[in-house]
Amino acid sequence: MFTDIVYAMAGAPGGADGGQQGAGNMLTSFLPLIIIFVIFYFLLIRPQSKKAKEHKQMLENLKKGDKVMTTGGIFGLIEEIDDKSVTLKIGIKDDVRIKVDRNFIAGLRTGE
C-alpha cells in the first residue's frame, strides 16, 4: 500500500510537458552554486589577489635604507639588497646583521 502512494506522488516519466521543463529546472538547480561562487570571488579571491599584487609591488620597490619588518616579526634597516635576499641591520649595535629572503619581508615600517 505504501508503494502505491510513492508511485502516485512521482511525476510522469520524461516530464508532463515533453522535456521543456528540464533546461529551466537545471538552471534553477545550478543558480545557488553560481551565486555562491560569485560571493566567494568578491569576498575572498579578489581581495587576496589584490593584496598579493600590492605585496609584490612593495618587494620590487625596496631600497637601501628602508625600515622593514619580516614575517617573523624582526624589525630592521635594509643595508644591502639583491634579487633574492636582503641584508638587514637589527638591534642597537651596528654589527648585528641578518640575511633574509626577499619574499619574507612583510612590509615597510612607518612612523618610527
PDB file of N, CA and C in Angstrom:
ATOM      1  N   MET A   1       0.825  -1.183   0.000  1.00  0.00           N
ATOM      2  CA  MET A   1       0.000   0.000   0.000  1.00  0.00           C
ATOM      3  C   MET A   1       0.880   1.263   0.000  1.00  0.00           C
ATOM      4  N   PHE A   2       1.959   1.252   0.795  1.00  0.00           N
ATOM      5  CA  PHE A   2       2.849   2.407   0.859  1.00  0.00           C
ATOM      6  C   PHE A   2       3.514   2.664  -0.498  1.00  0.00           C
ATOM      7  N   THR A   3       3.852   1.613  -1.199  1.00  0.00           N
ATOM      8  CA  THR A   3       4.496   1.785  -2.512  1.00  0.00           C
ATOM      9  C   THR A   3       3.534   2.402  -3.510  1.00  0.00           C
ATOM     10  N   ASP A   4       2.237   2.159  -3.383  1.00  0.00           N
ATOM     11  CA  ASP A   4       1.261   2.775  -4.274  1.00  0.00           C
ATOM     12  C   ASP A   4       1.239   4.283  -4.094  1.00  0.00           C
ATOM     13  N   ILE A   5       1.376   4.732  -2.848  1.00  0.00           N
ATOM     14  CA  ILE A   5       1.378   6.172  -2.579  1.00  0.00           C
ATOM     15  C   ILE A   5       2.623   6.814  -3.171  1.00  0.00           C
ATOM     16  N   VAL A   6       3.766   6.143  -3.017  1.00  0.00           N
ATOM     17  CA  VAL A   6       5.016   6.683  -3.547  1.00  0.00           C
ATOM     18  C   VAL A   6       4.941   6.786  -5.059  1.00  0.00           C
ATOM     19  N   TYR A   7       4.470   5.778  -5.712  1.00  0.00           N
ATOM     20  CA  TYR A   7       4.344   5.835  -7.169  1.00  0.00           C
ATOM     21  C   TYR A   7       3.329   6.887  -7.607  1.00  0.00           C
ATOM     22  N   ALA A   8       2.310   7.086  -6.829  1.00  0.00           N
ATOM     23  CA  ALA A   8       1.295   8.075  -7.173  1.00  0.00           C
ATOM     24  C   ALA A   8       1.864   9.486  -7.065  1.00  0.00           C
ATOM     25  N   MET A   9       2.846   9.721  -6.166  1.00  0.00           N
ATOM     26  CA  MET A   9       3.426  11.049  -5.990  1.00  0.00           C
ATOM     27  C   MET A   9       4.469  11.358  -7.056  1.00  0.00           C
ATOM     28  N   ALA A  10       5.001  10.352  -7.685  1.00  0.00           N
ATOM     29  CA  ALA A  10       6.040  10.565  -8.689  1.00  0.00           C
ATOM     30  C   ALA A  10       5.437  11.205  -9.925  1.00  0.00           C
ATOM     31  N   GLY A  11       6.234  12.014 -10.624  1.00  0.00           N
ATOM     32  CA  GLY A  11       5.769  12.661 -11.841  1.00  0.00           C
ATOM     33  C   GLY A  11       5.767  11.704 -13.010  1.00  0.00           C
ATOM     34  N   ALA A  12       5.259  12.181 -14.098  1.00  0.00           N
ATOM     35  CA  ALA A  12       5.218  11.367 -15.302  1.00  0.00           C
ATOM     36  C   ALA A  12       6.630  11.199 -15.841  1.00  0.00           C
ATOM     37  N   PRO A  13       6.953  10.025 -16.381  1.00  0.00           N
ATOM     38  CA  PRO A  13       8.290   9.827 -16.933  1.00  0.00           C
ATOM     39  C   PRO A  13       8.551  10.778 -18.096  1.00  0.00           C
ATOM     40  N   GLY A  14       9.727  11.438 -18.068  1.00  0.00           N
ATOM     41  CA  GLY A  14      10.074  12.365 -19.150  1.00  0.00           C
ATOM     42  C   GLY A  14       9.460  13.735 -18.967  1.00  0.00           C
ATOM     43  N   GLY A  15       8.722  13.949 -17.918  1.00  0.00           N
ATOM     44  CA  GLY A  15       8.090  15.250 -17.692  1.00  0.00           C
ATOM     45  C   GLY A  15       6.757  15.330 -18.383  1.00  0.00           C
ATOM     46  N   ALA A  16       5.840  16.023 -17.805  1.00  0.00           N
ATOM     47  CA  ALA A  16       4.487  16.117 -18.347  1.00  0.00           C
ATOM     48  C   ALA A  16       4.437  17.001 -19.580  1.00  0.00           C
ATOM     49  N   ASP A  17       5.400  17.940 -19.701  1.00  0.00           N
ATOM     50  CA  ASP A  17       5.348  18.863 -20.831  1.00  0.00           C
ATOM     51  C   ASP A  17       6.332  18.479 -21.933  1.00  0.00           C
ATOM     52  N   GLY A  18       6.806  17.244 -21.944  1.00  0.00           N
ATOM     53  CA  GLY A  18       7.636  16.777 -23.047  1.00  0.00           C
ATOM     54  C   GLY A  18       9.094  17.206 -22.939  1.00  0.00           C
ATOM     55  N   GLY A  19       9.621  17.468 -21.757  1.00  0.00           N
ATOM     56  CA  GLY A  19      11.031  17.801 -21.593  1.00  0.00           C
ATOM     57  C   GLY A  19      11.343  19.287 -21.623  1.00  0.00           C
ATOM     58  N   GLN A  20      10.351  20.141 -21.745  1.00  0.00           N
ATOM     59  CA  GLN A  20      10.576  21.583 -21.766  1.00  0.00           C
ATOM     60  C   GLN A  20      11.065  22.096 -20.414  1.00  0.00           C
ATOM     61  N   GLN A  21      10.658  21.462 -19.353  1.00  0.00           N
ATOM     62  CA  GLN A  21      10.985  21.917 -18.016  1.00  0.00           C
ATOM     63  C   GLN A  21      12.421  21.544 -17.623  1.00  0.00           C
ATOM     64  N   GLY A  22      13.069  20.627 -18.309  1.00  0.00           N
ATOM     65  CA  GLY A  22      14.387  20.137 -17.951  1.00  0.00           C
ATOM     66  C   GLY A  22      15.455  21.217 -17.953  1.00  0.00           C
ATOM     67  N   ALA A  23      15.497  22.078 -18.958  1.00  0.00           N
ATOM     68  CA  ALA A  23      16.520  23.123 -19.029  1.00  0.00           C
ATOM     69  C   ALA A  23      16.310  24.169 -17.944  1.00  0.00           C
ATOM     70  N   GLY A  24      15.095  24.569 -17.709  1.00  0.00           N
ATOM     71  CA  GLY A  24      14.807  25.538 -16.657  1.00  0.00           C
ATOM     72  C   GLY A  24      15.082  24.969 -15.282  1.00  0.00           C
ATOM     73  N   ASN A  25      14.756  23.697 -15.094  1.00  0.00           N
ATOM     74  CA  ASN A  25      14.998  23.049 -13.818  1.00  0.00           C
ATOM     75  C   ASN A  25      16.499  22.922 -13.561  1.00  0.00           C
ATOM     76  N   MET A  26      17.292  22.655 -14.606  1.00  0.00           N
ATOM     77  CA  MET A  26      18.734  22.539 -14.458  1.00  0.00           C
ATOM     78  C   MET A  26      19.338  23.892 -14.092  1.00  0.00           C
ATOM     79  N   LEU A  27      18.868  24.966 -14.691  1.00  0.00           N
ATOM     80  CA  LEU A  27      19.365  26.305 -14.382  1.00  0.00           C
ATOM     81  C   LEU A  27      19.051  26.688 -12.942  1.00  0.00           C
ATOM     82  N   THR A  28      17.840  26.396 -12.498  1.00  0.00           N
ATOM     83  CA  THR A  28      17.486  26.751 -11.123  1.00  0.00           C
ATOM     84  C   THR A  28      18.244  25.897 -10.106  1.00  0.00           C
ATOM     85  N   SER A  29      18.650  24.694 -10.498  1.00  0.00           N
ATOM     86  CA  SER A  29      19.422  23.879  -9.562  1.00  0.00           C
ATOM     87  C   SER A  29      20.870  24.345  -9.475  1.00  0.00           C
ATOM     88  N   PHE A  30      21.426  24.929 -10.550  1.00  0.00           N
ATOM     89  CA  PHE A  30      22.805  25.440 -10.527  1.00  0.00           C
ATOM     90  C   PHE A  30      22.904  26.894 -10.088  1.00  0.00           C
ATOM     91  N   LEU A  31      21.797  27.599 -10.034  1.00  0.00           N
ATOM     92  CA  LEU A  31      21.807  29.005  -9.652  1.00  0.00           C
ATOM     93  C   LEU A  31      22.397  29.250  -8.261  1.00  0.00           C
ATOM     94  N   PRO A  32      22.065  28.478  -7.230  1.00  0.00           N
ATOM     95  CA  PRO A  32      22.705  28.705  -5.924  1.00  0.00           C
ATOM     96  C   PRO A  32      24.221  28.507  -5.963  1.00  0.00           C
ATOM     97  N   LEU A  33      24.706  27.539  -6.725  1.00  0.00           N
ATOM     98  CA  LEU A  33      26.151  27.330  -6.845  1.00  0.00           C
ATOM     99  C   LEU A  33      26.825  28.511  -7.530  1.00  0.00           C
ATOM    100  N   ILE A  34      26.193  29.049  -8.540  1.00  0.00           N
ATOM    101  CA  ILE A  34      26.743  30.206  -9.246  1.00  0.00           C
ATOM    102  C   ILE A  34      26.786  31.414  -8.318  1.00  0.00           C
ATOM    103  N   ILE A  35      25.732  31.621  -7.557  1.00  0.00           N
ATOM    104  CA  ILE A  35      25.687  32.747  -6.618  1.00  0.00           C
ATOM    105  C   ILE A  35      26.756  32.596  -5.537  1.00  0.00           C
ATOM    106  N   ILE A  36      26.951  31.390  -5.024  1.00  0.00           N
ATOM    107  CA  ILE A  36      27.986  31.155  -4.010  1.00  0.00           C
ATOM    108  C   ILE A  36      29.368  31.437  -4.580  1.00  0.00           C
ATOM    109  N   PHE A  37      29.634  31.015  -5.819  1.00  0.00           N
ATOM    110  CA  PHE A  37      30.930  31.279  -6.432  1.00  0.00           C
ATOM    111  C   PHE A  37      31.159  32.776  -6.599  1.00  0.00           C
ATOM    112  N   VAL A  38      30.141  33.521  -7.010  1.00  0.00           N
ATOM    113  CA  VAL A  38      30.278  34.975  -7.170  1.00  0.00           C
ATOM    114  C   VAL A  38      30.569  35.628  -5.818  1.00  0.00           C
ATOM    115  N   ILE A  39      29.898  35.193  -4.779  1.00  0.00           N
ATOM    116  CA  ILE A  39      30.142  35.734  -3.440  1.00  0.00           C
ATOM    117  C   ILE A  39      31.566  35.425  -2.991  1.00  0.00           C
ATOM    118  N   PHE A  40      32.028  34.187  -3.192  1.00  0.00           N
ATOM    119  CA  PHE A  40      33.399  33.830  -2.838  1.00  0.00           C
ATOM    120  C   PHE A  40      34.406  34.650  -3.628  1.00  0.00           C
ATOM    121  N   TYR A  41      34.118  34.900  -4.899  1.00  0.00           N
ATOM    122  CA  TYR A  41      35.046  35.679  -5.712  1.00  0.00           C
ATOM    123  C   TYR A  41      35.218  37.087  -5.151  1.00  0.00           C
ATOM    124  N   PHE A  42      34.119  37.754  -4.846  1.00  0.00           N
ATOM    125  CA  PHE A  42      34.205  39.137  -4.386  1.00  0.00           C
ATOM    126  C   PHE A  42      34.651  39.264  -2.930  1.00  0.00           C
ATOM    127  N   LEU A  43      34.398  38.260  -2.105  1.00  0.00           N
ATOM    128  CA  LEU A  43      34.774  38.353  -0.694  1.00  0.00           C
ATOM    129  C   LEU A  43      36.130  37.734  -0.376  1.00  0.00           C
ATOM    130  N   LEU A  44      36.584  36.745  -1.155  1.00  0.00           N
ATOM    131  CA  LEU A  44      37.824  36.046  -0.823  1.00  0.00           C
ATOM    132  C   LEU A  44      38.884  36.121  -1.920  1.00  0.00           C
ATOM    133  N   ILE A  45      38.547  35.720  -3.110  1.00  0.00           N
ATOM    134  CA  ILE A  45      39.544  35.578  -4.172  1.00  0.00           C
ATOM    135  C   ILE A  45      40.073  36.928  -4.633  1.00  0.00           C
ATOM    136  N   ARG A  46      39.211  37.855  -4.941  1.00  0.00           N
ATOM    137  CA  ARG A  46      39.632  39.162  -5.460  1.00  0.00           C
ATOM    138  C   ARG A  46      40.459  39.962  -4.460  1.00  0.00           C
ATOM    139  N   PRO A  47      40.037  40.086  -3.189  1.00  0.00           N
ATOM    140  CA  PRO A  47      40.873  40.824  -2.240  1.00  0.00           C
ATOM    141  C   PRO A  47      42.234  40.168  -1.993  1.00  0.00           C
ATOM    142  N   GLN A  48      42.272  38.841  -1.984  1.00  0.00           N
ATOM    143  CA  GLN A  48      43.535  38.145  -1.756  1.00  0.00           C
ATOM    144  C   GLN A  48      44.502  38.376  -2.913  1.00  0.00           C
ATOM    145  N   SER A  49      44.018  38.336  -4.141  1.00  0.00           N
ATOM    146  CA  SER A  49      44.905  38.572  -5.278  1.00  0.00           C
ATOM    147  C   SER A  49      45.350  40.034  -5.330  1.00  0.00           C
ATOM    148  N   LYS A  50      44.486  40.950  -4.912  1.00  0.00           N
ATOM    149  CA  LYS A  50      44.858  42.366  -4.861  1.00  0.00           C
ATOM    150  C   LYS A  50      45.955  42.588  -3.819  1.00  0.00           C
ATOM    151  N   LYS A  51      45.818  41.938  -2.660  1.00  0.00           N
ATOM    152  CA  LYS A  51      46.815  42.062  -1.613  1.00  0.00           C
ATOM    153  C   LYS A  51      48.151  41.463  -2.061  1.00  0.00           C
ATOM    154  N   ALA A  52      48.129  40.335  -2.743  1.00  0.00           N
ATOM    155  CA  ALA A  52      49.352  39.706  -3.242  1.00  0.00           C
ATOM    156  C   ALA A  52      50.035  40.595  -4.278  1.00  0.00           C
ATOM    157  N   LYS A  53      49.256  41.249  -5.122  1.00  0.00           N
ATOM    158  CA  LYS A  53      49.811  42.151  -6.130  1.00  0.00           C
ATOM    159  C   LYS A  53      50.478  43.357  -5.461  1.00  0.00           C
ATOM    160  N   GLU A  54      49.847  43.910  -4.429  1.00  0.00           N
ATOM    161  CA  GLU A  54      50.434  45.044  -3.704  1.00  0.00           C
ATOM    162  C   GLU A  54      51.727  44.643  -2.990  1.00  0.00           C
ATOM    163  N   HIS A  55      51.756  43.429  -2.413  1.00  0.00           N
ATOM    164  CA  HIS A  55      52.954  42.951  -1.728  1.00  0.00           C
ATOM    165  C   HIS A  55      54.100  42.757  -2.720  1.00  0.00           C
ATOM    166  N   LYS A  56      53.800  42.220  -3.881  1.00  0.00           N
ATOM    167  CA  LYS A  56      54.820  42.025  -4.914  1.00  0.00           C
ATOM    168  C   LYS A  56      55.388  43.371  -5.363  1.00  0.00           C
ATOM    169  N   GLN A  57      54.526  44.356  -5.527  1.00  0.00           N
ATOM    170  CA  GLN A  57      54.971  45.684  -5.923  1.00  0.00           C
ATOM    171  C   GLN A  57      55.834  46.313  -4.826  1.00  0.00           C
ATOM    172  N   MET A  58      55.471  46.114  -3.560  1.00  0.00           N
ATOM    173  CA  MET A  58      56.265  46.640  -2.461  1.00  0.00           C
ATOM    174  C   MET A  58      57.644  45.995  -2.442  1.00  0.00           C
ATOM    175  N   LEU A  59      57.726  44.683  -2.690  1.00  0.00           N
ATOM    176  CA  LEU A  59      59.019  43.999  -2.715  1.00  0.00           C
ATOM    177  C   LEU A  59      59.899  44.504  -3.856  1.00  0.00           C
ATOM    178  N   GLU A  60      59.303  44.835  -4.984  1.00  0.00           N
ATOM    179  CA  GLU A  60      60.067  45.351  -6.118  1.00  0.00           C
ATOM    180  C   GLU A  60      60.604  46.753  -5.846  1.00  0.00           C
ATOM    181  N   ASN A  61      59.924  47.515  -5.009  1.00  0.00           N
ATOM    182  CA  ASN A  61      60.314  48.897  -4.747  1.00  0.00           C
ATOM    183  C   ASN A  61      61.193  49.063  -3.505  1.00  0.00           C
ATOM    184  N   LEU A  62      61.641  47.967  -2.896  1.00  0.00           N
ATOM    185  CA  LEU A  62      62.515  48.082  -1.733  1.00  0.00           C
ATOM    186  C   LEU A  62      63.844  48.712  -2.127  1.00  0.00           C
ATOM    187  N   LYS A  63      64.398  49.512  -1.221  1.00  0.00           N
ATOM    188  CA  LYS A  63      65.691  50.148  -1.489  1.00  0.00           C
ATOM    189  C   LYS A  63      66.491  50.224  -0.196  1.00  0.00           C
ATOM    190  N   LYS A  64      67.768  50.495  -0.328  1.00  0.00           N
ATOM    191  CA  LYS A  64      68.661  50.597   0.814  1.00  0.00           C
ATOM    192  C   LYS A  64      68.185  51.740   1.716  1.00  0.00           C
ATOM    193  N   GLY A  65      68.168  51.489   3.025  1.00  0.00           N
ATOM    194  CA  GLY A  65      67.752  52.498   3.990  1.00  0.00           C
ATOM    195  C   GLY A  65      66.303  52.388   4.418  1.00  0.00           C
ATOM    196  N   ASP A  66      65.512  51.517   3.767  1.00  0.00           N
ATOM    197  CA  ASP A  66      64.115  51.325   4.173  1.00  0.00           C
ATOM    198  C   ASP A  66      64.043  50.575   5.496  1.00  0.00           C
ATOM    199  N   LYS A  67      63.109  50.981   6.340  1.00  0.00           N
ATOM    200  CA  LYS A  67      62.841  50.259   7.585  1.00  0.00           C
ATOM    201  C   LYS A  67      61.737  49.256   7.297  1.00  0.00           C
ATOM    202  N   VAL A  68      62.027  47.984   7.592  1.00  0.00           N
ATOM    203  CA  VAL A  68      61.090  46.923   7.249  1.00  0.00           C
ATOM    204  C   VAL A  68      60.851  46.010   8.439  1.00  0.00           C
ATOM    205  N   MET A  69      59.812  45.166   8.290  1.00  0.00           N
ATOM    206  CA  MET A  69      59.525  44.122   9.248  1.00  0.00           C
ATOM    207  C   MET A  69      59.412  42.811   8.484  1.00  0.00           C
ATOM    208  N   THR A  70      60.024  41.750   9.017  1.00  0.00           N
ATOM    209  CA  THR A  70      59.939  40.447   8.372  1.00  0.00           C
ATOM    210  C   THR A  70      58.671  39.732   8.816  1.00  0.00           C
ATOM    211  N   THR A  71      58.357  38.630   8.147  1.00  0.00           N
ATOM    212  CA  THR A  71      57.185  37.853   8.540  1.00  0.00           C
ATOM    213  C   THR A  71      57.384  37.200   9.895  1.00  0.00           C
ATOM    214  N   GLY A  72      58.631  37.064  10.345  1.00  0.00           N
ATOM    215  CA  GLY A  72      58.910  36.517  11.667  1.00  0.00           C
ATOM    216  C   GLY A  72      58.835  37.558  12.766  1.00  0.00           C
ATOM    217  N   GLY A  73      58.599  38.826  12.403  1.00  0.00           N
ATOM    218  CA  GLY A  73      58.449  39.881  13.391  1.00  0.00           C
ATOM    219  C   GLY A  73      59.736  40.610  13.718  1.00  0.00           C
ATOM    220  N   ILE A  74      60.764  40.453  12.906  1.00  0.00           N
ATOM    221  CA  ILE A  74      62.040  41.130  13.139  1.00  0.00           C
ATOM    222  C   ILE A  74      62.017  42.476  12.432  1.00  0.00           C
ATOM    223  N   PHE A  75      62.332  43.537  13.192  1.00  0.00           N
ATOM    224  CA  PHE A  75      62.409  44.876  12.632  1.00  0.00           C
ATOM    225  C   PHE A  75      63.855  45.143  12.248  1.00  0.00           C
ATOM    226  N   GLY A  76      64.052  45.763  11.089  1.00  0.00           N
ATOM    227  CA  GLY A  76      65.412  46.046  10.667  1.00  0.00           C
ATOM    228  C   GLY A  76      65.478  47.134   9.625  1.00  0.00           C
ATOM    229  N   LEU A  77      66.711  47.515   9.322  1.00  0.00           N
ATOM    230  CA  LEU A  77      67.010  48.543   8.331  1.00  0.00           C
ATOM    231  C   LEU A  77      67.769  47.866   7.193  1.00  0.00           C
ATOM    232  N   ILE A  78      67.338  48.080   5.967  1.00  0.00           N
ATOM    233  CA  ILE A  78      67.971  47.430   4.824  1.00  0.00           C
ATOM    234  C   ILE A  78      69.355  48.040   4.599  1.00  0.00           C
ATOM    235  N   GLU A  79      70.377  47.174   4.593  1.00  0.00           N
ATOM    236  CA  GLU A  79      71.737  47.614   4.296  1.00  0.00           C
ATOM    237  C   GLU A  79      72.159  47.234   2.897  1.00  0.00           C
ATOM    238  N   GLU A  80      71.864  46.000   2.493  1.00  0.00           N
ATOM    239  CA  GLU A  80      72.180  45.530   1.152  1.00  0.00           C
ATOM    240  C   GLU A  80      70.951  44.824   0.599  1.00  0.00           C
ATOM    241  N   ILE A  81      70.818  44.887  -0.714  1.00  0.00           N
ATOM    242  CA  ILE A  81      69.670  44.248  -1.347  1.00  0.00           C
ATOM    243  C   ILE A  81      70.102  43.704  -2.698  1.00  0.00           C
ATOM    244  N   ASP A  82      69.663  42.491  -3.005  1.00  0.00           N
ATOM    245  CA  ASP A  82      69.887  41.932  -4.336  1.00  0.00           C
ATOM    246  C   ASP A  82      68.602  41.247  -4.798  1.00  0.00           C
ATOM    247  N   ASP A  83      68.684  40.460  -5.851  1.00  0.00           N
ATOM    248  CA  ASP A  83      67.470  39.874  -6.430  1.00  0.00           C
ATOM    249  C   ASP A  83      66.747  38.916  -5.486  1.00  0.00           C
ATOM    250  N   LYS A  84      67.498  38.124  -4.736  1.00  0.00           N
ATOM    251  CA  LYS A  84      66.890  37.086  -3.902  1.00  0.00           C
ATOM    252  C   LYS A  84      66.862  37.408  -2.412  1.00  0.00           C
ATOM    253  N   SER A  85      67.834  38.171  -1.907  1.00  0.00           N
ATOM    254  CA  SER A  85      67.940  38.346  -0.462  1.00  0.00           C
ATOM    255  C   SER A  85      68.131  39.808  -0.082  1.00  0.00           C
ATOM    256  N   VAL A  86      67.939  40.036   1.218  1.00  0.00           N
ATOM    257  CA  VAL A  86      68.086  41.369   1.790  1.00  0.00           C
ATOM    258  C   VAL A  86      68.913  41.218   3.059  1.00  0.00           C
ATOM    259  N   THR A  87      69.905  42.092   3.248  1.00  0.00           N
ATOM    260  CA  THR A  87      70.672  42.115   4.483  1.00  0.00           C
ATOM    261  C   THR A  87      70.123  43.229   5.357  1.00  0.00           C
ATOM    262  N   LEU A  88      69.697  42.846   6.568  1.00  0.00           N
ATOM    263  CA  LEU A  88      69.094  43.796   7.494  1.00  0.00           C
ATOM    264  C   LEU A  88      70.033  44.069   8.655  1.00  0.00           C
ATOM    265  N   LYS A  89      70.092  45.313   9.072  1.00  0.00           N
ATOM    266  CA  LYS A  89      70.798  45.701  10.293  1.00  0.00           C
ATOM    267  C   LYS A  89      69.731  45.739  11.380  1.00  0.00           C
ATOM    268  N   ILE A  90      69.962  44.947  12.435  1.00  0.00           N
ATOM    269  CA  ILE A  90      68.965  44.882  13.507  1.00  0.00           C
ATOM    270  C   ILE A  90      69.624  45.220  14.832  1.00  0.00           C
ATOM    271  N   GLY A  91      68.864  45.599  15.786  1.00  0.00           N
ATOM    272  CA  GLY A  91      69.357  45.874  17.122  1.00  0.00           C
ATOM    273  C   GLY A  91      70.006  47.239  17.238  1.00  0.00           C
ATOM    274  N   ILE A  92      70.556  47.498  18.399  1.00  0.00           N
ATOM    275  CA  ILE A  92      71.169  48.785  18.689  1.00  0.00           C
ATOM    276  C   ILE A  92      72.577  48.859  18.118  1.00  0.00           C
ATOM    277  N   LYS A  93      73.302  47.762  18.227  1.00  0.00           N
ATOM    278  CA  LYS A  93      74.670  47.740  17.723  1.00  0.00           C
ATOM    279  C   LYS A  93      74.678  47.668  16.203  1.00  0.00           C
ATOM    280  N   ASP A  94      75.704  48.220  15.612  1.00  0.00           N
ATOM    281  CA  ASP A  94      75.807  48.210  14.151  1.00  0.00           C
ATOM    282  C   ASP A  94      76.321  46.886  13.607  1.00  0.00           C
ATOM    283  N   ASP A  95      76.880  46.028  14.466  1.00  0.00           N
ATOM    284  CA  ASP A  95      77.475  44.802  13.959  1.00  0.00           C
ATOM    285  C   ASP A  95      76.501  43.632  13.867  1.00  0.00           C
ATOM    286  N   VAL A  96      75.232  43.832  14.196  1.00  0.00           N
ATOM    287  CA  VAL A  96      74.248  42.751  14.114  1.00  0.00           C
ATOM    288  C   VAL A  96      73.518  42.868  12.776  1.00  0.00           C
ATOM    289  N   ARG A  97      73.800  41.895  11.911  1.00  0.00           N
ATOM    290  CA  ARG A  97      73.181  41.876  10.586  1.00  0.00           C
ATOM    291  C   ARG A  97      72.644  40.475  10.307  1.00  0.00           C
ATOM    292  N   ILE A  98      71.527  40.410   9.642  1.00  0.00           N
ATOM    293  CA  ILE A  98      70.987  39.119   9.214  1.00  0.00           C
ATOM    294  C   ILE A  98      70.644  39.210   7.743  1.00  0.00           C
ATOM    295  N   LYS A  99      70.703  38.065   7.090  1.00  0.00           N
ATOM    296  CA  LYS A  99      70.351  37.992   5.675  1.00  0.00           C
ATOM    297  C   LYS A  99      69.065  37.171   5.567  1.00  0.00           C
ATOM    298  N   VAL A 100      68.051  37.754   4.972  1.00  0.00           N
ATOM    299  CA  VAL A 100      66.764  37.071   4.824  1.00  0.00           C
ATOM    300  C   VAL A 100      66.370  37.059   3.356  1.00  0.00           C
ATOM    301  N   ASP A 101      65.537  36.105   3.018  1.00  0.00           N
ATOM    302  CA  ASP A 101      64.994  36.037   1.672  1.00  0.00           C
ATOM    303  C   ASP A 101      64.074  37.232   1.452  1.00  0.00           C
ATOM    304  N   ARG A 102      64.102  37.758   0.257  1.00  0.00           N
ATOM    305  CA  ARG A 102      63.329  38.959  -0.057  1.00  0.00           C
ATOM    306  C   ARG A 102      61.823  38.741   0.130  1.00  0.00           C
ATOM    307  N   ASN A 103      61.366  37.526  -0.119  1.00  0.00           N
ATOM    308  CA  ASN A 103      59.936  37.234  -0.010  1.00  0.00           C
ATOM    309  C   ASN A 103      59.428  37.245   1.427  1.00  0.00           C
ATOM    310  N   PHE A 104      60.333  37.206   2.417  1.00  0.00           N
ATOM    311  CA  PHE A 104      59.924  37.189   3.811  1.00  0.00           C
ATOM    312  C   PHE A 104      59.851  38.584   4.428  1.00  0.00           C
ATOM    313  N   ILE A 105      59.921  39.612   3.612  1.00  0.00           N
ATOM    314  CA  ILE A 105      59.703  40.975   4.094  1.00  0.00           C
ATOM    315  C   ILE A 105      58.184  41.183   4.108  1.00  0.00           C
ATOM    316  N   ALA A 106      57.637  41.423   5.300  1.00  0.00           N
ATOM    317  CA  ALA A 106      56.182  41.566   5.434  1.00  0.00           C
ATOM    318  C   ALA A 106      55.723  42.957   5.004  1.00  0.00           C
ATOM    319  N   GLY A 107      56.511  43.972   5.331  1.00  0.00           N
ATOM    320  CA  GLY A 107      56.078  45.305   4.957  1.00  0.00           C
ATOM    321  C   GLY A 107      57.041  46.363   5.444  1.00  0.00           C
ATOM    322  N   LEU A 108      56.774  47.575   5.014  1.00  0.00           N
ATOM    323  CA  LEU A 108      57.576  48.714   5.427  1.00  0.00           C
ATOM    324  C   LEU A 108      57.049  49.239   6.753  1.00  0.00           C
ATOM    325  N   ARG A 109      57.970  49.707   7.603  1.00  0.00           N
ATOM    326  CA  ARG A 109      57.581  50.334   8.862  1.00  0.00           C
ATOM    327  C   ARG A 109      57.436  51.826   8.620  1.00  0.00           C
ATOM    328  N   THR A 110      56.431  52.385   9.205  1.00  0.00           N
ATOM    329  CA  THR A 110      56.228  53.833   9.082  1.00  0.00           C
ATOM    330  C   THR A 110      56.047  54.418  10.470  1.00  0.00           C
ATOM    331  N   GLY A 111      56.436  55.666  10.619  1.00  0.00           N
ATOM    332  CA  GLY A 111      56.210  56.370  11.863  1.00  0.00           C
ATOM    333  C   GLY A 111      57.261  56.175  12.937  1.00  0.00           C
ATOM    334  N   GLU A 112      58.308  55.442  12.671  1.00  0.00           N
ATOM    335  CA  GLU A 112      59.370  55.258  13.681  1.00  0.00           C
ATOM    336  C   GLU A 112      60.598  56.002  13.297  1.00  0.00           C
TER     337      GLU A 112
END
